[in-house]
Protein backbone atom coordinates (compact mmCIF):
# COMPACT_ATOMS: atom_id res chain seq x y z
CA UNK A 1 77.17 100.06 92.22
CA UNK A 2 74.72 98.13 90.01
CA UNK A 3 72.95 100.09 87.34
CA UNK A 4 69.39 99.32 86.15
CA UNK A 5 67.62 100.01 82.94
CA UNK A 6 65.49 103.18 82.91
CA UNK A 7 61.97 102.46 84.08
CA UNK A 8 58.98 102.61 81.71
CA UNK A 9 57.01 105.33 83.59
CA UNK A 10 57.79 108.43 85.63
CA UNK A 11 55.92 110.99 87.71
CA UNK A 12 54.23 113.86 85.92
CA UNK A 13 56.83 116.47 84.95
CA UNK A 14 56.35 120.22 84.48
CA UNK A 15 57.40 119.83 80.85
CA UNK A 16 56.28 117.30 78.25
CA UNK A 17 58.47 114.17 78.42
CA UNK A 18 60.43 113.34 75.28
CA UNK A 19 61.68 109.82 76.14
CA UNK A 20 60.60 106.62 77.86
CA UNK A 21 58.48 107.06 80.94
CA UNK A 22 59.92 106.25 84.39
CA UNK A 23 57.96 104.34 86.99
CA UNK A 24 56.83 106.34 90.00
CA UNK A 25 59.06 106.11 93.06
CA UNK A 26 57.14 105.31 96.24
CA UNK A 27 59.83 104.73 98.86
CA UNK A 28 59.20 107.05 101.81
CA UNK A 29 62.88 107.68 102.59
CA UNK A 30 63.72 109.40 99.33
CA UNK A 31 65.52 112.71 99.99
CA UNK A 32 63.80 115.82 98.60
CA UNK A 33 66.95 117.18 97.01
CA UNK A 34 66.86 114.48 94.29
CA UNK A 35 63.37 115.37 93.02
CA UNK A 36 63.85 116.27 89.36
CA UNK A 37 63.09 119.94 88.64
CA UNK A 38 62.56 121.41 85.17
CA UNK A 39 65.65 122.65 83.44
CA UNK A 40 65.93 126.43 83.54
CA UNK A 41 69.11 126.94 81.57
CA UNK A 42 72.73 127.04 82.67
CA UNK A 43 73.39 128.74 85.99
CA UNK A 44 76.38 130.90 86.71
CA UNK A 45 78.44 129.62 89.65
CA UNK A 46 78.37 131.72 92.80
CA UNK A 47 81.80 133.27 93.34
CA UNK A 48 81.61 132.75 97.09
CA UNK A 49 82.35 135.20 99.87
CA UNK A 50 85.88 136.31 100.54
CA UNK A 51 86.49 136.54 104.25
CA UNK A 52 89.95 138.04 104.61
CA UNK A 53 93.35 136.93 103.33
CA UNK A 54 94.84 135.30 106.33
CA UNK A 55 96.75 132.47 104.55
CA UNK A 56 96.81 130.18 101.53
CA UNK A 57 93.43 128.89 100.39
CA UNK A 58 92.52 125.36 101.41
CA UNK A 59 91.26 122.80 98.88
CA UNK A 60 87.62 123.20 97.86
CA UNK A 61 85.03 121.79 100.20
CA UNK A 62 83.91 118.32 99.20
CA UNK A 63 87.20 117.42 97.41
CA UNK A 64 90.18 115.40 98.57
CA UNK A 65 93.32 117.40 99.25
CA UNK A 66 95.71 117.11 96.37
CA UNK A 67 93.32 115.20 94.12
CA UNK A 68 91.54 116.32 90.98
CA UNK A 69 88.25 118.10 91.24
CA UNK A 70 86.16 114.92 91.38
CA UNK A 71 83.29 114.67 93.87
CA UNK A 72 83.73 112.10 96.64
CA UNK A 73 82.79 108.48 95.84
CA UNK A 74 82.20 109.41 92.21
CA UNK A 75 78.67 110.71 92.86
CA UNK A 76 77.83 113.11 90.05
CA UNK A 77 74.57 114.47 91.45
CA UNK A 78 76.04 116.61 94.24
CA UNK A 79 76.06 120.35 93.66
CA UNK A 80 79.57 121.76 93.40
CA UNK A 81 80.52 123.88 96.39
CA UNK A 82 82.07 127.28 96.18
CA UNK A 83 85.61 128.04 97.23
CA UNK A 84 86.18 129.78 100.56
CA UNK A 85 89.55 131.14 101.70
CA UNK A 86 90.91 130.81 105.19
CA UNK A 87 89.93 133.71 107.38
CA UNK A 88 92.09 135.56 109.80
CA UNK A 89 89.26 136.77 112.09
CA UNK A 90 88.99 140.40 111.12
CA UNK A 91 87.74 142.90 113.72
CA UNK A 92 84.00 143.37 113.70
CA UNK A 93 83.06 139.69 113.58
CA UNK A 94 80.32 139.18 116.15
CA UNK A 95 80.33 136.47 118.76
CA UNK A 96 78.12 133.37 118.40
CA UNK A 97 74.42 134.01 118.34
CA UNK A 98 74.73 137.57 116.95
CA UNK A 99 74.22 138.78 113.41
CA UNK A 100 77.38 138.33 111.38
CA UNK A 101 78.75 140.50 108.60
CA UNK A 102 77.74 137.90 106.01
CA UNK A 103 74.11 138.35 107.04
CA UNK A 104 74.36 142.07 106.36
CA UNK A 105 76.57 142.02 103.25
CA UNK A 106 74.73 139.78 100.81
CA UNK A 107 75.72 139.66 97.15
CA UNK A 108 73.39 141.93 95.20
CA UNK A 109 73.54 139.72 92.10
CA UNK A 110 72.41 136.55 93.91
CA UNK A 111 70.13 137.90 96.61
CA UNK A 112 66.76 138.92 95.07
CA UNK A 113 65.84 140.87 98.20
CA UNK A 114 68.73 143.28 97.80
CA UNK A 115 66.98 145.29 95.08
CA UNK A 116 63.86 145.57 97.25
CA UNK A 117 65.93 146.76 100.21
CA UNK A 118 67.64 149.38 98.07
CA UNK A 119 64.33 150.75 96.87
CA UNK A 120 62.91 151.12 100.39
CA UNK A 121 63.06 154.63 101.88
CA UNK A 122 65.53 155.43 104.59
CA UNK A 123 64.39 154.33 108.02
CA UNK A 124 63.15 157.20 110.11
CA UNK A 125 65.22 157.72 113.20
CA UNK A 126 63.47 157.50 116.53
CA UNK A 127 64.22 158.80 120.00
CA UNK A 128 64.92 155.21 121.11
CA UNK A 129 67.89 155.10 118.71
CA UNK A 130 69.60 157.78 120.82
CA UNK A 131 69.52 155.69 124.00
CA UNK A 132 72.75 154.04 125.05
CA UNK A 133 72.58 150.31 125.91
CA UNK A 134 72.71 149.33 129.54
CA UNK A 135 76.06 147.55 129.07
CA UNK A 136 77.64 150.75 127.79
CA UNK A 137 76.30 152.68 130.78
CA UNK A 138 77.72 150.06 133.12
CA UNK A 139 81.13 150.24 131.46
CA UNK A 140 81.19 154.07 131.27
CA UNK A 141 79.53 155.62 134.35
CA UNK A 142 79.98 159.11 132.81
CA UNK A 143 77.39 158.21 130.18
CA UNK A 144 74.68 158.70 132.80
CA UNK A 145 75.08 162.45 132.30
CA UNK A 146 74.14 161.97 128.62
CA UNK A 147 71.05 159.99 129.64
CA UNK A 148 70.04 162.79 132.04
CA UNK A 149 70.36 165.33 129.23
CA UNK A 150 68.29 163.06 126.99
CA UNK A 151 65.48 162.94 129.57
CA UNK A 152 65.66 166.71 129.98
CA UNK A 153 65.47 167.10 126.21
CA UNK A 154 62.26 165.06 126.09
CA UNK A 155 60.68 167.26 128.74
CA UNK A 156 61.82 170.40 126.92
CA UNK A 157 60.44 169.11 123.60
CA UNK A 158 57.09 168.33 125.24
CA UNK A 159 56.96 171.81 126.78
CA UNK A 160 57.78 173.53 123.48
CA UNK A 161 55.25 171.42 121.59
CA UNK A 162 52.54 172.23 124.15
CA UNK A 163 53.38 175.93 123.89
CA UNK A 164 53.27 175.80 120.09
CA UNK A 165 49.80 174.24 120.27
CA UNK A 166 48.71 176.96 122.69
CA UNK A 167 49.97 179.62 120.27
CA UNK A 168 48.14 177.98 117.36
CA UNK A 169 44.91 177.98 119.36
CA UNK A 170 45.46 181.61 120.38
CA UNK A 171 45.95 182.66 116.77
CA UNK A 172 42.56 181.22 115.87
CA UNK A 173 40.93 183.79 118.16
CA UNK A 174 41.02 187.51 117.34
CA UNK A 175 43.82 189.29 119.19
CA UNK A 176 43.07 192.99 119.37
CA UNK A 177 44.40 195.92 121.32
CA UNK A 178 42.96 199.43 121.66
CA UNK A 179 44.89 202.29 120.10
CA UNK A 180 44.28 206.00 119.65
CA UNK A 181 43.53 207.23 116.15
CA UNK A 182 44.00 211.00 115.80
CA UNK A 183 41.81 212.54 113.10
CA UNK A 184 42.88 215.86 111.54
CA UNK A 185 40.12 217.93 109.90
CA UNK A 186 41.49 221.01 108.17
CA UNK A 187 40.26 223.48 105.60
CA UNK A 188 41.97 226.02 103.37
CA UNK A 189 40.48 228.99 101.50
CA UNK A 190 41.43 230.09 97.98
CA UNK A 191 40.31 233.69 97.18
CA UNK A 192 38.91 234.42 93.76
CA UNK A 193 40.64 236.61 91.19
CA UNK A 194 38.86 239.75 89.93
CA UNK A 195 38.42 240.54 86.27
CA UNK A 196 41.45 241.80 84.41
CA UNK A 197 44.14 239.79 86.19
CA UNK A 198 45.67 237.35 83.68
CA UNK A 199 42.53 237.64 81.64
CA UNK A 200 40.76 235.04 83.73
CA UNK A 201 38.10 235.22 86.42
CA UNK A 202 37.95 232.68 89.29
CA UNK A 203 35.52 232.08 92.14
CA UNK A 204 36.50 231.84 95.79
CA UNK A 205 36.55 228.22 97.06
CA UNK A 206 37.49 226.19 100.05
CA UNK A 207 38.95 222.68 100.46
CA UNK A 208 38.21 220.30 103.35
CA UNK A 209 40.67 217.52 104.21
CA UNK A 210 40.05 214.59 106.57
CA UNK A 211 43.24 212.72 107.54
CA UNK A 212 44.46 210.67 110.44
CA UNK A 213 47.20 208.49 111.91
CA UNK A 214 47.73 206.13 114.82
CA UNK A 215 49.44 207.52 117.90
CA UNK A 216 52.51 205.55 118.91
CA UNK A 217 52.43 204.16 122.40
CA UNK A 218 55.27 202.90 124.57
CA UNK A 219 54.75 199.22 123.64
CA UNK A 220 54.71 199.77 119.90
CA UNK A 221 57.64 202.18 119.97
CA UNK A 222 59.90 199.35 121.18
CA UNK A 223 59.41 197.52 117.88
CA UNK A 224 61.78 198.37 115.08
CA UNK A 225 60.43 200.62 112.37
CA UNK A 226 61.38 198.08 109.71
CA UNK A 227 58.92 195.53 111.14
CA UNK A 228 56.04 198.00 111.45
CA UNK A 229 53.55 198.27 108.59
CA UNK A 230 51.65 201.54 108.71
CA UNK A 231 47.95 201.21 107.98
CA UNK A 232 46.21 203.61 105.69
CA UNK A 233 43.65 205.95 107.24
CA UNK A 234 40.77 204.55 105.17
CA UNK A 235 41.46 200.97 106.34
CA UNK A 236 39.89 201.76 109.73
CA UNK A 237 36.49 202.70 108.32
CA UNK A 238 33.67 201.02 106.45
CA UNK A 239 32.15 204.26 105.19
CA UNK A 240 32.60 208.01 105.49
CA UNK A 241 29.93 210.64 104.88
CA UNK A 242 30.44 214.43 104.89
CA UNK A 243 27.17 216.32 105.17
CA UNK A 244 27.37 220.01 104.19
CA UNK A 245 24.88 222.76 104.82
CA UNK A 246 21.83 221.86 102.78
CA UNK A 247 20.69 225.48 102.49
CA UNK A 248 23.95 226.53 100.85
CA UNK A 249 24.55 223.62 98.47
CA UNK A 250 21.05 222.30 97.86
CA UNK A 251 19.53 218.85 98.40
CA UNK A 252 21.51 217.21 95.54
CA UNK A 253 25.03 218.46 96.30
CA UNK A 254 25.30 218.58 100.07
CA UNK A 255 26.38 214.93 100.66
CA UNK A 256 29.83 213.47 99.97
CA UNK A 257 29.94 209.72 100.54
CA UNK A 258 32.60 207.01 100.47
CA UNK A 259 31.82 203.31 100.97
CA UNK A 260 34.23 200.42 101.07
CA UNK A 261 34.05 197.87 98.25
CA UNK A 262 36.07 194.69 97.68
CA UNK A 263 38.23 196.56 95.14
CA UNK A 264 38.74 199.71 97.19
CA UNK A 265 42.21 201.24 97.11
CA UNK A 266 43.26 202.38 100.59
CA UNK A 267 44.16 206.05 101.02
CA UNK A 268 45.66 208.30 103.67
CA UNK A 269 42.85 210.88 103.61
CA UNK A 270 39.80 212.40 101.93
CA UNK A 271 39.34 215.87 100.50
CA UNK A 272 36.30 217.85 99.38
CA UNK A 273 36.44 221.07 97.36
CA UNK A 274 33.51 223.43 96.92
CA UNK A 275 33.01 227.07 95.88
CA UNK A 276 32.12 229.59 98.56
CA UNK A 277 33.50 232.22 100.88
CA UNK A 278 31.21 231.86 103.92
CA UNK A 279 31.38 229.71 107.02
CA UNK A 280 29.97 226.23 106.38
CA UNK A 281 28.69 223.86 108.99
CA UNK A 282 29.48 220.23 108.15
CA UNK A 283 28.98 216.90 109.86
CA UNK A 284 31.50 214.06 109.39
CA UNK A 285 30.07 210.56 109.92
CA UNK A 286 32.67 207.79 110.34
CA UNK A 287 31.58 204.13 110.44
CA UNK A 288 34.33 201.98 111.90
CA UNK A 289 35.17 198.69 110.19
CA UNK A 290 35.04 196.22 113.09
CA UNK A 291 36.89 192.94 112.60
CA UNK A 292 35.21 190.77 113.80
CA UNK A 293 31.80 192.40 113.44
CA UNK A 294 30.43 194.19 116.50
CA UNK A 295 26.83 195.01 117.36
CA UNK A 296 25.08 197.63 119.42
CA UNK A 297 22.96 196.10 122.19
CA UNK A 298 19.41 196.98 123.01
CA UNK A 299 19.29 199.63 125.71
CA UNK A 300 17.77 197.31 128.33
CA UNK A 301 20.16 194.46 127.53
CA UNK A 302 23.13 196.84 127.50
CA UNK A 303 22.20 198.12 130.95
CA UNK A 304 21.79 194.55 132.22
CA UNK A 305 25.12 193.23 130.87
CA UNK A 306 27.10 196.44 131.29
CA UNK A 307 28.28 196.76 127.70
CA UNK A 308 27.28 198.95 124.77
CA UNK A 309 28.89 197.48 121.65
CA UNK A 310 30.52 194.08 121.41
CA UNK A 311 30.93 190.99 119.26
CA UNK A 312 28.28 188.28 119.25
CA UNK A 313 30.39 185.63 121.11
CA UNK A 314 31.25 188.12 123.86
CA UNK A 315 27.58 189.06 124.26
CA UNK A 316 26.48 185.42 124.54
CA UNK A 317 29.27 184.67 127.02
CA UNK A 318 28.31 187.70 129.17
CA UNK A 319 24.67 186.56 129.13
CA UNK A 320 25.72 183.03 130.21
CA UNK A 321 27.75 184.47 133.07
CA UNK A 322 24.69 186.43 134.19
CA UNK A 323 22.59 183.21 134.06
CA UNK A 324 25.14 181.28 136.12
CA UNK A 325 25.57 184.08 138.64
CA UNK A 326 21.83 184.32 139.29
CA UNK A 327 21.31 180.51 139.06
CA UNK A 328 18.68 180.78 136.34
CA UNK A 329 19.44 177.38 134.81
CA UNK A 330 16.67 174.84 135.48
CA UNK A 331 17.96 172.27 138.05
CA UNK A 332 16.04 169.37 136.48
CA UNK A 333 16.01 170.25 132.80
CA UNK A 334 19.46 171.70 132.31
CA UNK A 335 18.85 172.85 128.75
CA UNK A 336 16.20 175.34 129.92
CA UNK A 337 16.73 178.82 131.34
CA UNK A 338 14.21 180.28 133.80
CA UNK A 339 14.08 184.00 133.10
CA UNK A 340 14.02 186.50 135.93
CA UNK A 341 11.99 189.70 135.66
CA UNK A 342 14.72 191.51 133.69
CA UNK A 343 15.22 188.74 131.14
CA UNK A 344 11.47 188.30 130.93
CA UNK A 345 11.08 191.97 129.93
CA UNK A 346 13.91 191.71 127.37
CA UNK A 347 13.09 188.34 125.76
CA UNK A 348 9.31 188.47 126.46
CA UNK A 349 9.16 184.90 127.75
CA UNK A 350 9.36 183.19 131.13
CA UNK A 351 11.35 180.15 129.98
CA UNK A 352 13.56 179.37 127.02
CA UNK A 353 16.12 176.87 125.84
CA UNK A 354 19.76 177.81 125.88
CA UNK A 355 20.00 176.88 122.19
CA UNK A 356 17.33 179.55 121.48
CA UNK A 357 19.41 182.41 122.85
CA UNK A 358 21.21 183.29 119.55
CA UNK A 359 17.92 183.51 117.66
CA UNK A 360 16.30 185.60 120.42
CA UNK A 361 19.33 187.90 120.55
CA UNK A 362 19.15 188.67 116.82
CA UNK A 363 16.40 191.37 117.02
CA UNK A 364 18.15 192.93 120.03
CA UNK A 365 21.44 193.50 118.15
CA UNK A 366 21.77 196.50 115.84
CA UNK A 367 24.46 198.10 113.75
CA UNK A 368 26.85 200.20 115.84
CA UNK A 369 26.47 203.96 115.85
CA UNK A 370 28.78 205.98 113.61
CA UNK A 371 31.28 208.47 114.98
CA UNK A 372 29.83 211.97 114.53
CA UNK A 373 32.12 215.01 114.28
CA UNK A 374 30.62 218.49 113.89
CA UNK A 375 33.01 220.86 112.19
CA UNK A 376 32.79 224.45 110.91
CA UNK A 377 34.61 225.37 107.73
CA UNK A 378 35.93 228.86 108.40
CA UNK A 379 35.58 231.25 105.43
CA UNK A 380 37.07 234.69 104.89
CA UNK A 381 33.99 236.48 106.19
CA UNK A 382 35.49 236.78 109.65
CA UNK A 383 38.38 238.76 108.23
CA UNK A 384 38.40 242.17 106.71
CA UNK A 385 37.86 242.13 103.00
CA UNK A 386 40.64 244.52 102.26
CA UNK A 387 43.80 243.54 100.47
CA UNK A 388 45.88 243.37 103.64
CA UNK A 389 43.68 240.79 105.22
CA UNK A 390 43.80 238.81 101.98
CA UNK A 391 47.58 238.82 102.15
CA UNK A 392 47.38 237.63 105.74
CA UNK A 393 45.07 234.81 104.66
CA UNK A 394 47.75 233.50 102.32
CA UNK A 395 50.13 232.93 105.25
CA UNK A 396 50.22 230.18 107.89
CA UNK A 397 46.85 231.22 109.30
CA UNK A 398 45.16 230.26 106.08
CA UNK A 399 44.91 226.59 107.18
CA UNK A 400 42.59 225.86 110.09
CA UNK A 401 43.00 222.40 111.68
CA UNK A 402 40.96 220.57 114.32
CA UNK A 403 42.08 217.29 116.02
CA UNK A 404 39.90 214.51 117.35
CA UNK A 405 41.01 211.27 119.07
CA UNK A 406 38.96 208.08 118.80
CA UNK A 407 39.54 204.54 120.04
CA UNK A 408 40.13 201.84 117.42
CA UNK A 409 41.05 198.16 117.62
CA UNK A 410 44.12 196.93 115.79
CA UNK A 411 45.84 193.55 115.63
CA UNK A 412 48.01 192.85 118.60
CA UNK A 413 51.72 193.20 117.83
CA UNK A 414 52.28 189.93 119.65
CA UNK A 415 50.33 188.12 116.91
CA UNK A 416 53.01 188.88 114.37
CA UNK A 417 55.70 187.56 116.69
CA UNK A 418 53.67 184.39 117.25
CA UNK A 419 53.35 183.85 113.51
CA UNK A 420 57.05 184.35 112.96
CA UNK A 421 57.79 181.89 115.77
CA UNK A 422 55.57 179.22 114.23
CA UNK A 423 56.93 179.76 110.71
CA UNK A 424 60.58 179.88 111.74
CA UNK A 425 62.54 176.85 110.46
CA UNK A 426 66.08 177.95 111.14
CA UNK A 427 66.21 176.43 114.62
CA UNK A 428 64.49 173.26 113.37
CA UNK A 429 67.20 172.70 110.75
CA UNK A 430 69.92 173.20 113.34
CA UNK A 431 68.22 170.76 115.73
CA UNK A 432 67.88 168.17 112.96
CA UNK A 433 71.62 168.47 112.17
CA UNK A 434 72.53 167.96 115.83
CA UNK A 435 70.15 164.98 116.07
CA UNK A 436 71.84 163.34 113.09
CA UNK A 437 75.23 163.78 114.76
CA UNK A 438 73.91 162.21 117.97
CA UNK A 439 72.46 159.23 116.06
CA UNK A 440 75.75 158.68 114.24
CA UNK A 441 77.67 158.85 117.50
CA UNK A 442 75.36 156.36 119.19
CA UNK A 443 75.65 153.99 116.19
CA UNK A 444 79.44 154.19 116.42
CA UNK A 445 79.28 153.43 120.14
CA UNK A 446 77.05 150.39 119.50
CA UNK A 447 79.42 149.10 116.83
CA UNK A 448 82.38 149.50 119.17
CA UNK A 449 80.44 147.60 121.82
CA UNK A 450 79.94 144.73 119.37
CA UNK A 451 83.66 144.72 118.57
CA UNK A 452 84.52 144.70 122.24
CA UNK A 453 82.22 141.77 122.95
CA UNK A 454 83.69 139.93 119.97
CA UNK A 455 87.29 140.21 121.12
CA UNK A 456 86.32 139.69 124.76
CA UNK A 457 84.61 136.37 123.98
CA UNK A 458 87.64 135.33 121.91
CA UNK A 459 90.00 136.19 124.76
CA UNK A 460 88.02 134.20 127.32
CA UNK A 461 87.79 130.91 125.34
CA UNK A 462 89.52 130.99 121.94
CA UNK A 463 88.74 127.35 121.03
CA UNK A 464 85.04 127.47 121.81
CA UNK A 465 84.76 130.88 120.16
CA UNK A 466 86.37 129.69 116.89
CA UNK A 467 84.19 126.57 116.78
CA UNK A 468 81.03 128.56 117.29
CA UNK A 469 82.17 131.17 114.83
CA UNK A 470 82.88 128.54 112.15
CA UNK A 471 79.45 126.99 112.69
CA UNK A 472 77.83 130.42 112.33
CA UNK A 473 79.80 131.21 109.17
CA UNK A 474 79.02 127.79 107.68
CA UNK A 475 75.32 128.42 108.26
CA UNK A 476 75.62 131.81 106.58
CA UNK A 477 77.52 130.36 103.62
CA UNK A 478 74.93 127.64 103.16
CA UNK A 479 72.18 130.27 103.11
CA UNK A 480 74.04 132.47 100.63
CA UNK A 481 74.96 129.67 98.19
CA UNK A 482 71.52 127.94 98.34
CA UNK A 483 73.08 124.63 99.36
CA UNK A 484 70.48 121.91 100.03
CA UNK A 485 70.84 118.65 101.94
CA UNK A 486 73.01 117.76 104.86
CA UNK A 487 76.75 118.10 104.02
CA UNK A 488 77.83 116.38 107.23
CA UNK A 489 76.03 113.13 106.26
CA UNK A 490 76.79 113.37 102.56
CA UNK A 491 80.54 113.39 103.08
CA UNK A 492 80.46 109.80 104.46
CA UNK A 493 80.46 106.75 102.17
CA UNK A 494 77.61 104.97 103.97
CA UNK A 495 75.26 107.71 102.84
CA UNK A 496 75.46 106.48 99.23
CA UNK A 497 74.73 102.79 99.96
CA UNK A 498 71.15 103.37 101.04
CA UNK A 499 68.22 101.78 99.08
CA UNK A 500 67.16 104.95 97.32
CA UNK A 501 70.53 105.57 95.62
CA UNK A 502 69.87 103.33 92.59
CA UNK A 503 66.58 105.07 91.81
CA UNK A 504 68.22 108.47 92.35
CA UNK A 505 70.99 107.67 89.88
CA UNK A 506 68.44 106.62 87.28
CA UNK A 507 66.48 109.80 87.74
CA UNK A 508 69.63 111.88 87.59
CA UNK A 509 70.82 110.36 84.31
CA UNK A 510 67.32 110.57 82.84
CA UNK A 511 67.18 114.26 83.74
CA UNK A 512 70.58 114.85 82.17
CA UNK A 513 69.50 113.11 78.96
CA UNK A 514 66.35 115.23 78.79
CA UNK A 515 68.42 118.35 79.44
CA UNK A 516 70.87 117.58 76.64
CA UNK A 517 68.00 116.75 74.31
CA UNK A 518 66.30 120.11 74.97
CA UNK A 519 69.57 121.93 74.38
CA UNK A 520 70.07 120.11 71.08
CA UNK A 521 66.51 120.86 69.95
CA UNK A 522 66.93 124.51 70.82
CA UNK A 523 70.20 124.64 68.90
CA UNK A 524 68.67 122.99 65.80
CA UNK A 525 65.44 124.99 66.01
CA UNK A 526 63.21 121.95 66.31
CA UNK A 527 59.71 122.63 67.63
CA UNK A 528 57.58 120.00 69.27
CA UNK A 529 54.28 119.19 67.60
């Protein structure tokens, strides 16, 4: 091979040239692998993949058997190949055309994408990952039972999800049930002490107590007592007023009032104590705390709709049902309502828009009436005022109690069960554990299918299988070691007698000289001007 002197000019480099310039190369057939790249420092050799230990290692690729490690034909510009041992075809190698183990097991130190893959979150498993391939179902007919269970599971999941959504929608609406609240109104009398007894004088007095509790029904008695939370008596009311006889206690002391505030502490009852020994007429006014708020309808509207006290949405819905039943909606302008004679008397108009109904209902809705209980506080005047009757008053007959039952609305017990069902996570954790086991089993089955296809293709045509497998592994090795060029052409001598070889050799040696020069300058600490 004839060598030429280095040319006087060269293409523009990424770094500043330090020697004679090379002439630009303009031949179109120049291979891209010989384009001079900037020196980036010494590079550690790739150790190469180890694919089994099935025999003694062959000589390195690109070297003559038995000879020293000299590249063929003395060409110094070829990248040194890595050593690869002879493989004994371990189980798990895929047939041609499928992803090989070398594609999956890249070296973390040489593959820059490995760190990105490790930082990615774990792939979320899907329902499709639980489906068995068609080939597995053909080989194992019993697997169809698993597919049937999988289809049934999807239907069951859809049904449960739809039911959960229905429960969530139901919880947004108030769920109430009517219960009986029994109110106990009792009074006791304390006689006064005459002068001379214990040196103190006391006045006769009475004490009025208002208490109550919910009556247990058959449905609520089935629930365990541990899950039941008893409500305080005051939680059912917004206000309570006890009006005593104004003639006996005057205009400033005859009213006893209690009103709910945001900081009110709930209690099981109320008590009032006053001096006196005569019968006292009292009126107990109880204002129920409706949740949601209820309103008393105008007398005409209540007679028309057949309800006395209800919530605003229920009243509007009942009015809409009345309009639809009597076909009062305008056939041409659907947003208008043509009032009949009853609605005309109530709303005082012949025609109105449906959107105007809430505003027109507002003056017809009033606060609900309180519950009124008339009670007589029994004093000692009905008894003889002798000592014997006083002794009898201290016994069980001293407490007089009256009972009253009223209807109240409480939260439906089913609402608590719905909430516990939605908040329960125990079954979800168990289902997730079983799903993970199913995914792992399906992955194992898929891997066994790959192994079976691998050995089956080897058993059918060993020669063709090994050739295709070697081609696939060579392609993987070339990708892993960043080998450029065409090794099949480069191993023949005619490849190095082409016209571009002389220019390539010159460029190669020039690059080596520049590389050594930079290393020397870095070692001596010389800086370019």
